[in-house]
């Protein structure tokens, strides 16, 4: 399978795994709690289920000392930003880095060296 198709298949796997849970949860929460103005910046939390799914998946691959620094080099951000994304869970990355993070997670799942 070409590399680009493998990447797409991996992305689909990540989001399909959590799609049923997200749909069921949104059915239970039919209320519009903490509704923000249209176009406001999103913060990680219950209103960002796709980010939460990627966050949990990426977190499960950060084990050893130095893993955050290596990921920071791949994403071209300081280790402290990686920590804010993954460990603290208080920030979200921009769109480009989120896609890079998805590709990194896929490479980790497949046991390939990322980069």
C-alpha atoms as a PDB file:
ATOM      1  CA  UNK A   1       0.000   0.000   0.000  1.00  0.00           C
ATOM      2  CA  UNK A   2       1.453   3.439  -0.857  1.00  0.00           C
ATOM      3  CA  UNK A   3       2.592   5.564   2.062  1.00  0.00           C
ATOM      4  CA  UNK A   4      -0.151   8.185   1.579  1.00  0.00           C
ATOM      5  CA  UNK A   5      -2.873   5.520   1.663  1.00  0.00           C
ATOM      6  CA  UNK A   6      -1.361   4.043   4.819  1.00  0.00           C
ATOM      7  CA  UNK A   7      -1.446   7.496   6.408  1.00  0.00           C
ATOM      8  CA  UNK A   8      -5.080   8.022   5.431  1.00  0.00           C
ATOM      9  CA  UNK A   9      -6.040   4.552   6.666  1.00  0.00           C
ATOM     10  CA  UNK A  10      -4.349   5.273   9.982  1.00  0.00           C
ATOM     11  CA  UNK A  11      -6.189   8.571  10.348  1.00  0.00           C
ATOM     12  CA  UNK A  12      -9.479   6.842   9.648  1.00  0.00           C
ATOM     13  CA  UNK A  13      -8.703   4.178  12.273  1.00  0.00           C
ATOM     14  CA  UNK A  14      -7.988   6.801  14.928  1.00  0.00           C
ATOM     15  CA  UNK A  15     -11.261   8.626  14.406  1.00  0.00           C
ATOM     16  CA  UNK A  16     -13.528   5.675  13.694  1.00  0.00           C
ATOM     17  CA  UNK A  17     -12.463   4.048  16.977  1.00  0.00           C
ATOM     18  CA  UNK A  18     -13.944   6.918  18.947  1.00  0.00           C
ATOM     19  CA  UNK A  19     -16.761   8.033  16.641  1.00  0.00           C
ATOM     20  CA  UNK A  20     -19.421   5.791  18.178  1.00  0.00           C
ATOM     21  CA  UNK A  21     -18.591   6.975  21.699  1.00  0.00           C
ATOM     22  CA  UNK A  22     -18.634  10.602  20.579  1.00  0.00           C
ATOM     23  CA  UNK A  23     -22.009  10.184  18.865  1.00  0.00           C
ATOM     24  CA  UNK A  24     -23.527   8.481  21.900  1.00  0.00           C
ATOM     25  CA  UNK A  25     -22.175  11.165  24.207  1.00  0.00           C
ATOM     26  CA  UNK A  26     -23.510  13.983  22.049  1.00  0.00           C
ATOM     27  CA  UNK A  27     -26.944  12.356  22.046  1.00  0.00           C
ATOM     28  CA  UNK A  28     -26.917  12.375  25.851  1.00  0.00           C
ATOM     29  CA  UNK A  29     -25.818  15.999  26.035  1.00  0.00           C
ATOM     30  CA  UNK A  30     -28.380  17.567  23.754  1.00  0.00           C
ATOM     31  CA  UNK A  31     -28.130  20.761  25.787  1.00  0.00           C
ATOM     32  CA  UNK A  32     -26.000  23.689  24.660  1.00  0.00           C
ATOM     33  CA  UNK A  33     -23.983  24.246  27.816  1.00  0.00           C
ATOM     34  CA  UNK A  34     -21.451  27.054  27.899  1.00  0.00           C
ATOM     35  CA  UNK A  35     -22.347  28.072  24.388  1.00  0.00           C
ATOM     36  CA  UNK A  36     -19.747  30.489  23.135  1.00  0.00           C
ATOM     37  CA  UNK A  37     -20.009  33.077  20.486  1.00  0.00           C
ATOM     38  CA  UNK A  38     -19.637  31.765  16.940  1.00  0.00           C
ATOM     39  CA  UNK A  39     -15.987  31.590  15.911  1.00  0.00           C
ATOM     40  CA  UNK A  40     -14.573  31.822  19.442  1.00  0.00           C
ATOM     41  CA  UNK A  41     -11.347  29.969  20.179  1.00  0.00           C
ATOM     42  CA  UNK A  42     -11.951  26.425  21.391  1.00  0.00           C
ATOM     43  CA  UNK A  43     -10.320  25.179  24.561  1.00  0.00           C
ATOM     44  CA  UNK A  44      -9.768  21.494  25.304  1.00  0.00           C
ATOM     45  CA  UNK A  45     -12.694  19.961  27.127  1.00  0.00           C
ATOM     46  CA  UNK A  46     -16.070  18.365  26.549  1.00  0.00           C
ATOM     47  CA  UNK A  47     -16.691  20.515  23.453  1.00  0.00           C
ATOM     48  CA  UNK A  48     -13.628  19.105  21.655  1.00  0.00           C
ATOM     49  CA  UNK A  49     -14.239  15.341  21.366  1.00  0.00           C
ATOM     50  CA  UNK A  50     -11.975  14.815  18.333  1.00  0.00           C
ATOM     51  CA  UNK A  51      -9.058  16.579  20.039  1.00  0.00           C
ATOM     52  CA  UNK A  52      -9.716  14.538  23.196  1.00  0.00           C
ATOM     53  CA  UNK A  53      -9.507  11.353  21.156  1.00  0.00           C
ATOM     54  CA  UNK A  54      -6.199  12.382  19.542  1.00  0.00           C
ATOM     55  CA  UNK A  55      -4.920  13.606  22.924  1.00  0.00           C
ATOM     56  CA  UNK A  56      -5.599  10.252  24.614  1.00  0.00           C
ATOM     57  CA  UNK A  57      -4.028   8.329  21.742  1.00  0.00           C
ATOM     58  CA  UNK A  58      -0.894  10.499  21.679  1.00  0.00           C
ATOM     59  CA  UNK A  59      -0.592  10.398  25.466  1.00  0.00           C
ATOM     60  CA  UNK A  60      -0.512   6.614  25.379  1.00  0.00           C
ATOM     61  CA  UNK A  61       2.703   6.732  23.298  1.00  0.00           C
ATOM     62  CA  UNK A  62       4.671   9.080  25.601  1.00  0.00           C
ATOM     63  CA  UNK A  63       6.403   6.749  28.056  1.00  0.00           C
ATOM     64  CA  UNK A  64      10.130   7.278  28.358  1.00  0.00           C
ATOM     65  CA  UNK A  65      12.227  10.203  29.424  1.00  0.00           C
ATOM     66  CA  UNK A  66      12.860  12.395  26.390  1.00  0.00           C
ATOM     67  CA  UNK A  67       9.783  11.327  24.385  1.00  0.00           C
ATOM     68  CA  UNK A  68       8.219  14.784  24.707  1.00  0.00           C
ATOM     69  CA  UNK A  69      11.446  16.445  23.551  1.00  0.00           C
ATOM     70  CA  UNK A  70      11.637  14.145  20.510  1.00  0.00           C
ATOM     71  CA  UNK A  71       8.023  14.874  19.638  1.00  0.00           C
ATOM     72  CA  UNK A  72       8.700  18.587  20.096  1.00  0.00           C
ATOM     73  CA  UNK A  73      11.499  18.393  17.533  1.00  0.00           C
ATOM     74  CA  UNK A  74       9.182  16.677  15.069  1.00  0.00           C
ATOM     75  CA  UNK A  75       6.416  19.255  15.633  1.00  0.00           C
ATOM     76  CA  UNK A  76       8.995  22.079  15.741  1.00  0.00           C
ATOM     77  CA  UNK A  77       7.819  23.352  19.126  1.00  0.00           C
ATOM     78  CA  UNK A  78       9.552  23.444  22.529  1.00  0.00           C
ATOM     79  CA  UNK A  79       9.074  20.501  24.860  1.00  0.00           C
ATOM     80  CA  UNK A  80       7.067  22.763  27.160  1.00  0.00           C
ATOM     81  CA  UNK A  81       4.442  23.206  24.414  1.00  0.00           C
ATOM     82  CA  UNK A  82       4.243  19.427  23.983  1.00  0.00           C
ATOM     83  CA  UNK A  83       3.740  19.174  27.720  1.00  0.00           C
ATOM     84  CA  UNK A  84       0.945  21.768  27.547  1.00  0.00           C
ATOM     85  CA  UNK A  85      -0.711  19.784  24.716  1.00  0.00           C
ATOM     86  CA  UNK A  86      -0.375  16.273  26.097  1.00  0.00           C
ATOM     87  CA  UNK A  87       0.430  16.207  29.801  1.00  0.00           C
ATOM     88  CA  UNK A  88      -1.429  19.207  31.158  1.00  0.00           C
ATOM     89  CA  UNK A  89      -4.206  19.047  28.565  1.00  0.00           C
ATOM     90  CA  UNK A  90      -4.784  22.776  28.857  1.00  0.00           C
ATOM     91  CA  UNK A  91      -3.974  23.764  25.275  1.00  0.00           C
ATOM     92  CA  UNK A  92      -4.613  22.549  21.757  1.00  0.00           C
ATOM     93  CA  UNK A  93      -2.189  22.725  18.870  1.00  0.00           C
ATOM     94  CA  UNK A  94      -2.851  24.525  15.627  1.00  0.00           C
ATOM     95  CA  UNK A  95      -4.282  22.588  12.683  1.00  0.00           C
ATOM     96  CA  UNK A  96      -0.958  21.840  10.988  1.00  0.00           C
ATOM     97  CA  UNK A  97       0.596  20.455  14.158  1.00  0.00           C
ATOM     98  CA  UNK A  98      -2.546  18.463  14.920  1.00  0.00           C
ATOM     99  CA  UNK A  99      -2.178  16.729  11.544  1.00  0.00           C
ATOM    100  CA  UNK A 100       1.525  16.159  12.242  1.00  0.00           C
ATOM    101  CA  UNK A 101       0.566  14.737  15.641  1.00  0.00           C
ATOM    102  CA  UNK A 102      -1.887  12.356  13.931  1.00  0.00           C
ATOM    103  CA  UNK A 103       0.876  11.192  11.572  1.00  0.00           C
ATOM    104  CA  UNK A 104       3.185  10.684  14.567  1.00  0.00           C
ATOM    105  CA  UNK A 105       0.548   8.610  16.368  1.00  0.00           C
ATOM    106  CA  UNK A 106       0.071   6.470  13.253  1.00  0.00           C
ATOM    107  CA  UNK A 107       3.823   5.895  12.980  1.00  0.00           C
ATOM    108  CA  UNK A 108       3.920   4.927  16.668  1.00  0.00           C
ATOM    109  CA  UNK A 109       1.026   2.488  16.213  1.00  0.00           C
ATOM    110  CA  UNK A 110       2.785   0.871  13.260  1.00  0.00           C
ATOM    111  CA  UNK A 111       6.109   0.695  15.076  1.00  0.00           C
ATOM    112  CA  UNK A 112       7.870   2.876  12.499  1.00  0.00           C
ATOM    113  CA  UNK A 113      10.333   5.575  13.483  1.00  0.00           C
ATOM    114  CA  UNK A 114       8.532   8.926  13.260  1.00  0.00           C
ATOM    115  CA  UNK A 115       9.918  11.922  11.438  1.00  0.00           C
END
